[in-house]
Amino acid sequence: MTAWQLCDRAWSRIAFWLPFATRVDRYFLREMIFPFLSGGLIFVTILTGHMLYWALDKIINQNVPAKDLLLM
């Protein structure tokens, strides 16, 4: 079974829970879900990377113990 067939099977289960949606609504939802999730993942990665950079800067350059940063 290919990945596309698995995706169609999963989508048919989701479509069961959206009885009010027309075929066009389900098509638009299927087309928009990947960009939405990938954008959210990129956003979270950028925020996490910024906090990691800040913490490493404090530990390396200012000699702050990692234990103290975890308590902040």
N, C-alpha and C. Protein backbone atom coordinates (compact mmCIF):
# COMPACT_ATOMS: atom_id res chain seq x y z
N MET A 1 0.85 -1.17 0.00
CA MET A 1 0.00 0.00 0.00
C MET A 1 0.90 1.24 0.00
N THR A 2 0.63 2.15 -0.89
CA THR A 2 1.47 3.34 -1.00
C THR A 2 1.09 4.37 0.05
N ALA A 3 1.95 5.36 0.21
CA ALA A 3 1.68 6.42 1.18
C ALA A 3 0.44 7.21 0.79
N TRP A 4 0.24 7.39 -0.52
CA TRP A 4 -0.93 8.14 -0.97
C TRP A 4 -2.22 7.39 -0.62
N GLN A 5 -2.22 6.06 -0.76
CA GLN A 5 -3.40 5.28 -0.41
C GLN A 5 -3.66 5.35 1.09
N LEU A 6 -2.59 5.32 1.89
CA LEU A 6 -2.77 5.45 3.34
C LEU A 6 -3.35 6.81 3.69
N CYS A 7 -2.87 7.84 3.00
CA CYS A 7 -3.38 9.19 3.24
C CYS A 7 -4.86 9.28 2.88
N ASP A 8 -5.25 8.66 1.76
CA ASP A 8 -6.65 8.68 1.36
C ASP A 8 -7.52 7.92 2.36
N ARG A 9 -7.02 6.82 2.89
CA ARG A 9 -7.79 6.07 3.88
C ARG A 9 -7.97 6.89 5.15
N ALA A 10 -6.89 7.55 5.58
CA ALA A 10 -6.99 8.39 6.78
C ALA A 10 -7.94 9.56 6.53
N TRP A 11 -7.86 10.13 5.34
CA TRP A 11 -8.71 11.28 5.03
C TRP A 11 -10.18 10.87 4.96
N SER A 12 -10.46 9.66 4.50
CA SER A 12 -11.86 9.22 4.44
C SER A 12 -12.43 9.06 5.85
N ARG A 13 -11.59 8.71 6.81
CA ARG A 13 -12.06 8.64 8.19
C ARG A 13 -12.34 10.03 8.74
N ILE A 14 -11.50 11.00 8.38
CA ILE A 14 -11.73 12.38 8.82
C ILE A 14 -12.99 12.93 8.16
N ALA A 15 -13.20 12.63 6.89
CA ALA A 15 -14.37 13.12 6.16
C ALA A 15 -15.65 12.58 6.79
N PHE A 16 -15.59 11.42 7.43
CA PHE A 16 -16.76 10.87 8.11
C PHE A 16 -17.21 11.79 9.24
N TRP A 17 -16.26 12.45 9.90
CA TRP A 17 -16.59 13.32 11.02
C TRP A 17 -17.01 14.71 10.57
N LEU A 18 -16.94 14.99 9.27
CA LEU A 18 -17.36 16.28 8.73
C LEU A 18 -18.55 16.09 7.79
N PRO A 19 -19.68 15.64 8.30
CA PRO A 19 -20.80 15.37 7.40
C PRO A 19 -21.40 16.64 6.80
N PHE A 20 -21.23 17.78 7.47
CA PHE A 20 -21.80 19.03 6.99
C PHE A 20 -21.00 19.63 5.84
N ALA A 21 -19.76 19.19 5.67
CA ALA A 21 -18.88 19.76 4.66
C ALA A 21 -19.16 19.14 3.29
N THR A 22 -19.13 19.98 2.29
CA THR A 22 -19.29 19.47 0.94
C THR A 22 -17.96 18.91 0.45
N ARG A 23 -17.98 18.34 -0.72
CA ARG A 23 -16.76 17.77 -1.29
C ARG A 23 -15.71 18.86 -1.50
N VAL A 24 -16.14 20.05 -1.91
CA VAL A 24 -15.21 21.17 -2.12
C VAL A 24 -14.60 21.61 -0.80
N ASP A 25 -15.41 21.66 0.27
CA ASP A 25 -14.88 22.04 1.58
C ASP A 25 -13.82 21.06 2.05
N ARG A 26 -14.08 19.78 1.87
CA ARG A 26 -13.09 18.77 2.28
C ARG A 26 -11.83 18.87 1.43
N TYR A 27 -11.98 19.19 0.16
CA TYR A 27 -10.81 19.35 -0.71
C TYR A 27 -9.97 20.53 -0.24
N PHE A 28 -10.61 21.66 0.05
CA PHE A 28 -9.87 22.83 0.52
C PHE A 28 -9.18 22.55 1.85
N LEU A 29 -9.87 21.87 2.75
CA LEU A 29 -9.27 21.53 4.03
C LEU A 29 -8.05 20.63 3.83
N ARG A 30 -8.16 19.67 2.94
CA ARG A 30 -7.04 18.76 2.68
C ARG A 30 -5.86 19.50 2.06
N GLU A 31 -6.14 20.50 1.24
CA GLU A 31 -5.06 21.26 0.60
C GLU A 31 -4.41 22.26 1.56
N MET A 32 -5.13 22.71 2.58
CA MET A 32 -4.60 23.74 3.48
C MET A 32 -3.97 23.18 4.74
N ILE A 33 -4.21 21.93 5.06
CA ILE A 33 -3.73 21.40 6.33
C ILE A 33 -2.21 21.27 6.36
N PHE A 34 -1.58 20.88 5.26
CA PHE A 34 -0.12 20.73 5.23
C PHE A 34 0.60 22.08 5.39
N PRO A 35 0.23 23.14 4.64
CA PRO A 35 0.90 24.43 4.85
C PRO A 35 0.69 24.98 6.25
N PHE A 36 -0.49 24.76 6.82
CA PHE A 36 -0.76 25.25 8.17
C PHE A 36 0.12 24.55 9.19
N LEU A 37 0.20 23.23 9.12
CA LEU A 37 1.01 22.48 10.08
C LEU A 37 2.50 22.74 9.89
N SER A 38 2.94 22.85 8.65
CA SER A 38 4.37 23.13 8.43
C SER A 38 4.73 24.54 8.89
N GLY A 39 3.85 25.50 8.69
CA GLY A 39 4.10 26.86 9.18
C GLY A 39 4.16 26.90 10.70
N GLY A 40 3.27 26.16 11.36
CA GLY A 40 3.32 26.09 12.82
C GLY A 40 4.59 25.44 13.32
N LEU A 41 5.03 24.41 12.63
CA LEU A 41 6.28 23.73 13.01
C LEU A 41 7.48 24.66 12.84
N ILE A 42 7.52 25.41 11.76
CA ILE A 42 8.61 26.37 11.55
C ILE A 42 8.59 27.45 12.62
N PHE A 43 7.41 27.95 12.95
CA PHE A 43 7.28 28.98 13.99
C PHE A 43 7.79 28.47 15.34
N VAL A 44 7.39 27.28 15.73
CA VAL A 44 7.84 26.71 17.00
C VAL A 44 9.34 26.47 16.98
N THR A 45 9.88 26.03 15.86
CA THR A 45 11.32 25.80 15.74
C THR A 45 12.10 27.09 15.91
N ILE A 46 11.62 28.17 15.32
CA ILE A 46 12.30 29.45 15.45
C ILE A 46 12.26 29.93 16.89
N LEU A 47 11.12 29.83 17.55
CA LEU A 47 11.03 30.26 18.95
C LEU A 47 11.91 29.40 19.86
N THR A 48 11.90 28.11 19.65
CA THR A 48 12.72 27.22 20.46
C THR A 48 14.20 27.47 20.22
N GLY A 49 14.57 27.71 18.98
CA GLY A 49 15.96 28.00 18.66
C GLY A 49 16.44 29.27 19.31
N HIS A 50 15.58 30.28 19.37
CA HIS A 50 15.95 31.53 20.02
C HIS A 50 16.18 31.32 21.51
N MET A 51 15.31 30.57 22.16
CA MET A 51 15.48 30.33 23.60
C MET A 51 16.71 29.47 23.87
N LEU A 52 16.99 28.51 23.01
CA LEU A 52 18.19 27.68 23.17
C LEU A 52 19.44 28.52 23.00
N TYR A 53 19.46 29.40 22.02
CA TYR A 53 20.60 30.29 21.81
C TYR A 53 20.80 31.19 23.03
N TRP A 54 19.73 31.73 23.58
CA TRP A 54 19.81 32.60 24.75
C TRP A 54 20.39 31.82 25.94
N ALA A 55 19.91 30.60 26.16
CA ALA A 55 20.38 29.80 27.29
C ALA A 55 21.86 29.43 27.13
N LEU A 56 22.27 29.04 25.93
CA LEU A 56 23.68 28.69 25.71
C LEU A 56 24.57 29.91 25.85
N ASP A 57 24.10 31.07 25.44
CA ASP A 57 24.86 32.31 25.60
C ASP A 57 25.09 32.60 27.08
N LYS A 58 24.07 32.44 27.90
CA LYS A 58 24.21 32.68 29.34
C LYS A 58 25.17 31.67 29.98
N ILE A 59 25.08 30.42 29.57
CA ILE A 59 25.93 29.38 30.16
C ILE A 59 27.39 29.57 29.76
N ILE A 60 27.65 29.83 28.49
CA ILE A 60 29.03 29.89 27.99
C ILE A 60 29.69 31.23 28.29
N ASN A 61 29.04 32.32 27.93
CA ASN A 61 29.69 33.64 28.01
C ASN A 61 29.61 34.28 29.39
N GLN A 62 28.53 34.03 30.12
CA GLN A 62 28.36 34.70 31.41
C GLN A 62 28.53 33.75 32.59
N ASN A 63 28.89 32.50 32.31
CA ASN A 63 29.17 31.50 33.35
C ASN A 63 28.02 31.31 34.34
N VAL A 64 26.81 31.36 33.84
CA VAL A 64 25.64 31.11 34.68
C VAL A 64 25.41 29.60 34.69
N PRO A 65 25.24 28.99 35.86
CA PRO A 65 25.00 27.55 35.90
C PRO A 65 23.68 27.18 35.21
N ALA A 66 23.67 26.05 34.54
CA ALA A 66 22.47 25.61 33.83
C ALA A 66 21.31 25.38 34.80
N LYS A 67 21.64 24.98 36.02
CA LYS A 67 20.61 24.75 37.03
C LYS A 67 19.84 26.03 37.32
N ASP A 68 20.55 27.15 37.39
CA ASP A 68 19.88 28.43 37.65
C ASP A 68 19.00 28.85 36.48
N LEU A 69 19.42 28.53 35.26
CA LEU A 69 18.59 28.88 34.10
C LEU A 69 17.31 28.06 34.07
N LEU A 70 17.39 26.82 34.53
CA LEU A 70 16.19 25.99 34.55
C LEU A 70 15.18 26.48 35.57
N LEU A 71 15.65 27.17 36.60
CA LEU A 71 14.75 27.69 37.62
C LEU A 71 14.09 28.99 37.21
N MET A 72 14.57 29.62 36.13
CA MET A 72 14.00 30.89 35.68
C MET A 72 12.66 30.70 35.04
